[in-house]
Amino acid sequence: MRDHYDFSDSAKNPYTKRLKKQVTIRLDEDTVEYFKNLAEEKNLPYQSLFNIYLRDCAQSH
């Protein structure tokens, strides 16, 4: 490893606005199972499906 790195020409990360924030949320077991089953059918991670659904709700209301 080098002792010093030059980052003077570096650019800001263009994806910082799209970073995820970890939160803790309490949900009913049947709700979680519903989304897990749906996510399995769609071949998606269930947390991504939660995010898609919540984003859609936020944008449409």
PDB file of N, CA and C in Angstrom:
ATOM      1  N   MET A   1       0.830  -1.180   0.000  1.00  0.00           N
ATOM      2  CA  MET A   1       0.000   0.000   0.000  1.00  0.00           C
ATOM      3  C   MET A   1       0.874   1.242   0.000  1.00  0.00           C
ATOM      4  N   ARG A   2       0.378   2.253  -0.612  1.00  0.00           N
ATOM      5  CA  ARG A   2       1.111   3.514  -0.638  1.00  0.00           C
ATOM      6  C   ARG A   2       0.926   4.266   0.678  1.00  0.00           C
ATOM      7  N   ASP A   3       1.865   5.143   0.953  1.00  0.00           N
ATOM      8  CA  ASP A   3       1.752   5.996   2.138  1.00  0.00           C
ATOM      9  C   ASP A   3       0.786   7.144   1.897  1.00  0.00           C
ATOM     10  N   HIS A   4       0.631   7.545   0.623  1.00  0.00           N
ATOM     11  CA  HIS A   4      -0.203   8.697   0.286  1.00  0.00           C
ATOM     12  C   HIS A   4      -0.939   8.421  -1.033  1.00  0.00           C
ATOM     13  N   TYR A   5      -2.190   8.772  -1.086  1.00  0.00           N
ATOM     14  CA  TYR A   5      -2.985   8.657  -2.307  1.00  0.00           C
ATOM     15  C   TYR A   5      -3.465  10.037  -2.702  1.00  0.00           C
ATOM     16  N   ASP A   6      -3.476  10.322  -3.998  1.00  0.00           N
ATOM     17  CA  ASP A   6      -3.898  11.634  -4.492  1.00  0.00           C
ATOM     18  C   ASP A   6      -5.338  11.531  -5.004  1.00  0.00           C
ATOM     19  N   PHE A   7      -6.263  12.140  -4.295  1.00  0.00           N
ATOM     20  CA  PHE A   7      -7.670  12.142  -4.688  1.00  0.00           C
ATOM     21  C   PHE A   7      -8.108  13.502  -5.229  1.00  0.00           C
ATOM     22  N   SER A   8      -7.159  14.337  -5.598  1.00  0.00           N
ATOM     23  CA  SER A   8      -7.494  15.692  -6.047  1.00  0.00           C
ATOM     24  C   SER A   8      -8.310  15.696  -7.339  1.00  0.00           C
ATOM     25  N   ASP A   9      -8.177  14.688  -8.170  1.00  0.00           N
ATOM     26  CA  ASP A   9      -8.935  14.622  -9.424  1.00  0.00           C
ATOM     27  C   ASP A   9     -10.171  13.734  -9.317  1.00  0.00           C
ATOM     28  N   SER A  10     -10.505  13.300  -8.127  1.00  0.00           N
ATOM     29  CA  SER A  10     -11.642  12.392  -7.963  1.00  0.00           C
ATOM     30  C   SER A  10     -12.961  13.145  -8.092  1.00  0.00           C
ATOM     31  N   ALA A  11     -13.998  12.421  -8.437  1.00  0.00           N
ATOM     32  CA  ALA A  11     -15.337  12.998  -8.591  1.00  0.00           C
ATOM     33  C   ALA A  11     -16.240  12.466  -7.489  1.00  0.00           C
ATOM     34  N   LYS A  12     -17.272  13.227  -7.170  1.00  0.00           N
ATOM     35  CA  LYS A  12     -18.240  12.772  -6.178  1.00  0.00           C
ATOM     36  C   LYS A  12     -19.007  11.581  -6.726  1.00  0.00           C
ATOM     37  N   ASN A  13     -19.441  10.729  -5.830  1.00  0.00           N
ATOM     38  CA  ASN A  13     -20.221   9.552  -6.217  1.00  0.00           C
ATOM     39  C   ASN A  13     -21.581  10.000  -6.743  1.00  0.00           C
ATOM     40  N   PRO A  14     -21.916   9.707  -8.007  1.00  0.00           N
ATOM     41  CA  PRO A  14     -23.201  10.153  -8.557  1.00  0.00           C
ATOM     42  C   PRO A  14     -24.387   9.370  -8.007  1.00  0.00           C
ATOM     43  N   TYR A  15     -24.132   8.299  -7.287  1.00  0.00           N
ATOM     44  CA  TYR A  15     -25.210   7.451  -6.791  1.00  0.00           C
ATOM     45  C   TYR A  15     -25.530   7.690  -5.318  1.00  0.00           C
ATOM     46  N   THR A  16     -24.951   8.703  -4.703  1.00  0.00           N
ATOM     47  CA  THR A  16     -25.164   8.916  -3.275  1.00  0.00           C
ATOM     48  C   THR A  16     -26.622   9.181  -2.936  1.00  0.00           C
ATOM     49  N   LYS A  17     -27.374   9.767  -3.837  1.00  0.00           N
ATOM     50  CA  LYS A  17     -28.792  10.009  -3.568  1.00  0.00           C
ATOM     51  C   LYS A  17     -29.613   8.726  -3.617  1.00  0.00           C
ATOM     52  N   ARG A  18     -29.055   7.677  -4.197  1.00  0.00           N
ATOM     53  CA  ARG A  18     -29.768   6.416  -4.318  1.00  0.00           C
ATOM     54  C   ARG A  18     -29.356   5.393  -3.261  1.00  0.00           C
ATOM     55  N   LEU A  19     -28.475   5.796  -2.336  1.00  0.00           N
ATOM     56  CA  LEU A  19     -28.044   4.881  -1.301  1.00  0.00           C
ATOM     57  C   LEU A  19     -29.209   4.521  -0.392  1.00  0.00           C
ATOM     58  N   LYS A  20     -29.170   3.347   0.149  1.00  0.00           N
ATOM     59  CA  LYS A  20     -30.235   2.862   1.032  1.00  0.00           C
ATOM     60  C   LYS A  20     -29.916   3.234   2.468  1.00  0.00           C
ATOM     61  N   LYS A  21     -30.957   3.450   3.244  1.00  0.00           N
ATOM     62  CA  LYS A  21     -30.813   3.710   4.669  1.00  0.00           C
ATOM     63  C   LYS A  21     -31.433   2.543   5.411  1.00  0.00           C
ATOM     64  N   GLN A  22     -30.673   1.969   6.314  1.00  0.00           N
ATOM     65  CA  GLN A  22     -31.168   0.836   7.092  1.00  0.00           C
ATOM     66  C   GLN A  22     -32.077   1.348   8.194  1.00  0.00           C
ATOM     67  N   VAL A  23     -33.268   0.736   8.305  1.00  0.00           N
ATOM     68  CA  VAL A  23     -34.219   1.084   9.351  1.00  0.00           C
ATOM     69  C   VAL A  23     -34.749  -0.198   9.980  1.00  0.00           C
ATOM     70  N   THR A  24     -35.290  -0.063  11.166  1.00  0.00           N
ATOM     71  CA  THR A  24     -35.954  -1.175  11.833  1.00  0.00           C
ATOM     72  C   THR A  24     -37.439  -0.877  11.820  1.00  0.00           C
ATOM     73  N   ILE A  25     -38.234  -1.837  11.401  1.00  0.00           N
ATOM     74  CA  ILE A  25     -39.676  -1.652  11.316  1.00  0.00           C
ATOM     75  C   ILE A  25     -40.355  -2.931  11.799  1.00  0.00           C
ATOM     76  N   ARG A  26     -41.412  -2.777  12.532  1.00  0.00           N
ATOM     77  CA  ARG A  26     -42.161  -3.930  13.038  1.00  0.00           C
ATOM     78  C   ARG A  26     -43.370  -4.163  12.141  1.00  0.00           C
ATOM     79  N   LEU A  27     -43.450  -5.365  11.592  1.00  0.00           N
ATOM     80  CA  LEU A  27     -44.535  -5.732  10.688  1.00  0.00           C
ATOM     81  C   LEU A  27     -45.167  -7.029  11.165  1.00  0.00           C
ATOM     82  N   ASP A  28     -46.436  -7.214  10.826  1.00  0.00           N
ATOM     83  CA  ASP A  28     -47.112  -8.465  11.145  1.00  0.00           C
ATOM     84  C   ASP A  28     -46.448  -9.611  10.385  1.00  0.00           C
ATOM     85  N   GLU A  29     -46.419 -10.780  11.012  1.00  0.00           N
ATOM     86  CA  GLU A  29     -45.787 -11.947  10.378  1.00  0.00           C
ATOM     87  C   GLU A  29     -46.442 -12.289   9.045  1.00  0.00           C
ATOM     88  N   ASP A  30     -47.772 -12.198   8.992  1.00  0.00           N
ATOM     89  CA  ASP A  30     -48.451 -12.557   7.746  1.00  0.00           C
ATOM     90  C   ASP A  30     -48.125 -11.569   6.627  1.00  0.00           C
ATOM     91  N   THR A  31     -47.870 -10.322   6.972  1.00  0.00           N
ATOM     92  CA  THR A  31     -47.477  -9.332   5.962  1.00  0.00           C
ATOM     93  C   THR A  31     -46.107  -9.668   5.405  1.00  0.00           C
ATOM     94  N   VAL A  32     -45.177  -9.995   6.281  1.00  0.00           N
ATOM     95  CA  VAL A  32     -43.829 -10.356   5.848  1.00  0.00           C
ATOM     96  C   VAL A  32     -43.872 -11.620   4.986  1.00  0.00           C
ATOM     97  N   GLU A  33     -44.644 -12.609   5.403  1.00  0.00           N
ATOM     98  CA  GLU A  33     -44.763 -13.851   4.619  1.00  0.00           C
ATOM     99  C   GLU A  33     -45.359 -13.583   3.243  1.00  0.00           C
ATOM    100  N   TYR A  34     -46.350 -12.703   3.177  1.00  0.00           N
ATOM    101  CA  TYR A  34     -46.954 -12.352   1.884  1.00  0.00           C
ATOM    102  C   TYR A  34     -45.887 -11.788   0.939  1.00  0.00           C
ATOM    103  N   PHE A  35     -45.108 -10.832   1.440  1.00  0.00           N
ATOM    104  CA  PHE A  35     -44.086 -10.214   0.586  1.00  0.00           C
ATOM    105  C   PHE A  35     -42.950 -11.183   0.272  1.00  0.00           C
ATOM    106  N   LYS A  36     -42.603 -12.047   1.194  1.00  0.00           N
ATOM    107  CA  LYS A  36     -41.562 -13.042   0.919  1.00  0.00           C
ATOM    108  C   LYS A  36     -42.017 -13.999  -0.176  1.00  0.00           C
ATOM    109  N   ASN A  37     -43.274 -14.451  -0.100  1.00  0.00           N
ATOM    110  CA  ASN A  37     -43.806 -15.357  -1.134  1.00  0.00           C
ATOM    111  C   ASN A  37     -43.886 -14.662  -2.485  1.00  0.00           C
ATOM    112  N   LEU A  38     -44.361 -13.418  -2.485  1.00  0.00           N
ATOM    113  CA  LEU A  38     -44.454 -12.657  -3.729  1.00  0.00           C
ATOM    114  C   LEU A  38     -43.057 -12.412  -4.313  1.00  0.00           C
ATOM    115  N   ALA A  39     -42.122 -12.099  -3.459  1.00  0.00           N
ATOM    116  CA  ALA A  39     -40.748 -11.862  -3.915  1.00  0.00           C
ATOM    117  C   ALA A  39     -40.140 -13.125  -4.511  1.00  0.00           C
ATOM    118  N   GLU A  40     -40.443 -14.262  -3.913  1.00  0.00           N
ATOM    119  CA  GLU A  40     -39.932 -15.525  -4.439  1.00  0.00           C
ATOM    120  C   GLU A  40     -40.508 -15.799  -5.832  1.00  0.00           C
ATOM    121  N   GLU A  41     -41.801 -15.510  -6.021  1.00  0.00           N
ATOM    122  CA  GLU A  41     -42.430 -15.681  -7.338  1.00  0.00           C
ATOM    123  C   GLU A  41     -41.781 -14.774  -8.384  1.00  0.00           C
ATOM    124  N   LYS A  42     -41.445 -13.551  -7.970  1.00  0.00           N
ATOM    125  CA  LYS A  42     -40.874 -12.558  -8.892  1.00  0.00           C
ATOM    126  C   LYS A  42     -39.354 -12.656  -8.985  1.00  0.00           C
ATOM    127  N   ASN A  43     -38.771 -13.567  -8.188  1.00  0.00           N
ATOM    128  CA  ASN A  43     -37.320 -13.758  -8.168  1.00  0.00           C
ATOM    129  C   ASN A  43     -36.593 -12.465  -7.775  1.00  0.00           C
ATOM    130  N   LEU A  44     -37.102 -11.828  -6.710  1.00  0.00           N
ATOM    131  CA  LEU A  44     -36.514 -10.612  -6.152  1.00  0.00           C
ATOM    132  C   LEU A  44     -36.245 -10.818  -4.671  1.00  0.00           C
ATOM    133  N   PRO A  45     -35.294 -10.098  -4.115  1.00  0.00           N
ATOM    134  CA  PRO A  45     -35.162 -10.112  -2.658  1.00  0.00           C
ATOM    135  C   PRO A  45     -36.400  -9.442  -2.043  1.00  0.00           C
ATOM    136  N   TYR A  46     -36.905 -10.000  -0.957  1.00  0.00           N
ATOM    137  CA  TYR A  46     -38.148  -9.464  -0.399  1.00  0.00           C
ATOM    138  C   TYR A  46     -37.985  -8.036   0.111  1.00  0.00           C
ATOM    139  N   GLN A  47     -36.802  -7.671   0.577  1.00  0.00           N
ATOM    140  CA  GLN A  47     -36.605  -6.300   1.031  1.00  0.00           C
ATOM    141  C   GLN A  47     -36.671  -5.321  -0.134  1.00  0.00           C
ATOM    142  N   SER A  48     -36.219  -5.745  -1.298  1.00  0.00           N
ATOM    143  CA  SER A  48     -36.341  -4.904  -2.491  1.00  0.00           C
ATOM    144  C   SER A  48     -37.800  -4.736  -2.866  1.00  0.00           C
ATOM    145  N   LEU A  49     -38.579  -5.796  -2.716  1.00  0.00           N
ATOM    146  CA  LEU A  49     -40.002  -5.709  -3.024  1.00  0.00           C
ATOM    147  C   LEU A  49     -40.708  -4.754  -2.059  1.00  0.00           C
ATOM    148  N   PHE A  50     -40.367  -4.815  -0.782  1.00  0.00           N
ATOM    149  CA  PHE A  50     -40.893  -3.846   0.185  1.00  0.00           C
ATOM    150  C   PHE A  50     -40.576  -2.432  -0.274  1.00  0.00           C
ATOM    151  N   ASN A  51     -39.326  -2.208  -0.662  1.00  0.00           N
ATOM    152  CA  ASN A  51     -38.892  -0.881  -1.083  1.00  0.00           C
ATOM    153  C   ASN A  51     -39.661  -0.410  -2.317  1.00  0.00           C
ATOM    154  N   ILE A  52     -39.833  -1.279  -3.294  1.00  0.00           N
ATOM    155  CA  ILE A  52     -40.573  -0.927  -4.511  1.00  0.00           C
ATOM    156  C   ILE A  52     -42.008  -0.554  -4.168  1.00  0.00           C
ATOM    157  N   TYR A  53     -42.645  -1.357  -3.324  1.00  0.00           N
ATOM    158  CA  TYR A  53     -44.039  -1.105  -2.960  1.00  0.00           C
ATOM    159  C   TYR A  53     -44.178   0.212  -2.191  1.00  0.00           C
ATOM    160  N   LEU A  54     -43.319   0.422  -1.216  1.00  0.00           N
ATOM    161  CA  LEU A  54     -43.391   1.654  -0.424  1.00  0.00           C
ATOM    162  C   LEU A  54     -43.092   2.888  -1.251  1.00  0.00           C
ATOM    163  N   ARG A  55     -42.110   2.788  -2.160  1.00  0.00           N
ATOM    164  CA  ARG A  55     -41.812   3.919  -3.041  1.00  0.00           C
ATOM    165  C   ARG A  55     -42.996   4.250  -3.926  1.00  0.00           C
ATOM    166  N   ASP A  56     -43.649   3.205  -4.464  1.00  0.00           N
ATOM    167  CA  ASP A  56     -44.820   3.412  -5.314  1.00  0.00           C
ATOM    168  C   ASP A  56     -45.953   4.077  -4.519  1.00  0.00           C
ATOM    169  N   CYS A  57     -46.174   3.635  -3.284  1.00  0.00           N
ATOM    170  CA  CYS A  57     -47.203   4.247  -2.438  1.00  0.00           C
ATOM    171  C   CYS A  57     -46.885   5.722  -2.176  1.00  0.00           C
ATOM    172  N   ALA A  58     -45.640   6.019  -1.877  1.00  0.00           N
ATOM    173  CA  ALA A  58     -45.233   7.385  -1.583  1.00  0.00           C
ATOM    174  C   ALA A  58     -45.396   8.297  -2.799  1.00  0.00           C
ATOM    175  N   GLN A  59     -45.088   7.777  -3.977  1.00  0.00           N
ATOM    176  CA  GLN A  59     -45.188   8.586  -5.181  1.00  0.00           C
ATOM    177  C   GLN A  59     -46.621   8.791  -5.660  1.00  0.00           C
ATOM    178  N   SER A  60     -47.483   7.825  -5.366  1.00  0.00           N
ATOM    179  CA  SER A  60     -48.867   7.923  -5.869  1.00  0.00           C
ATOM    180  C   SER A  60     -49.816   8.591  -4.883  1.00  0.00           C
ATOM    181  N   HIS A  61     -49.360   8.824  -3.656  1.00  0.00           N
ATOM    182  CA  HIS A  61     -50.250   9.455  -2.673  1.00  0.00           C
ATOM    183  C   HIS A  61     -49.684  10.741  -2.216  1.00  0.00           C
TER     184      HIS A  61
END
